């Protein structure tokens, strides 16, 4: 089996801060998945709540200090040094309907649906050159 190694740049592009944040969850099966709360990520990463919330909306790592990037992504459960970890997340993102635990979250409509839409619009702009 041939393994394709991704460059750090491709890893960071595939898993920008907002995607790391949306992947931050407890549990492995759909039944027991639960979104990690901002306070949990803040505590685990050592970042302030304001920094966590700001990164939640960021669609690139541009301008983010390396230490903050590593602390935030690790607290979200995304390990850029582990091909196995990234492959697991990539498979999850490839599902027909990922983020069901987000859709069930009490703040889906007022908050998470907007984060999800913001990321989708940014992807469209990047890939197709449309204006924001």
Foldseek 3Di string as FASTA:
>chain_A
DDDDDDDLVVLQLVCALLNLQLLQWDDDDPVPTAHDDLVQLCVQLVHDSVVSVVSNQDNGCPPPDPSSVCSNSVSSQHDSVDPVSSVSSVVQVPDPDHSPNLVVDPCNVVPVVVSVVSNVVVVCCVVVVDDD
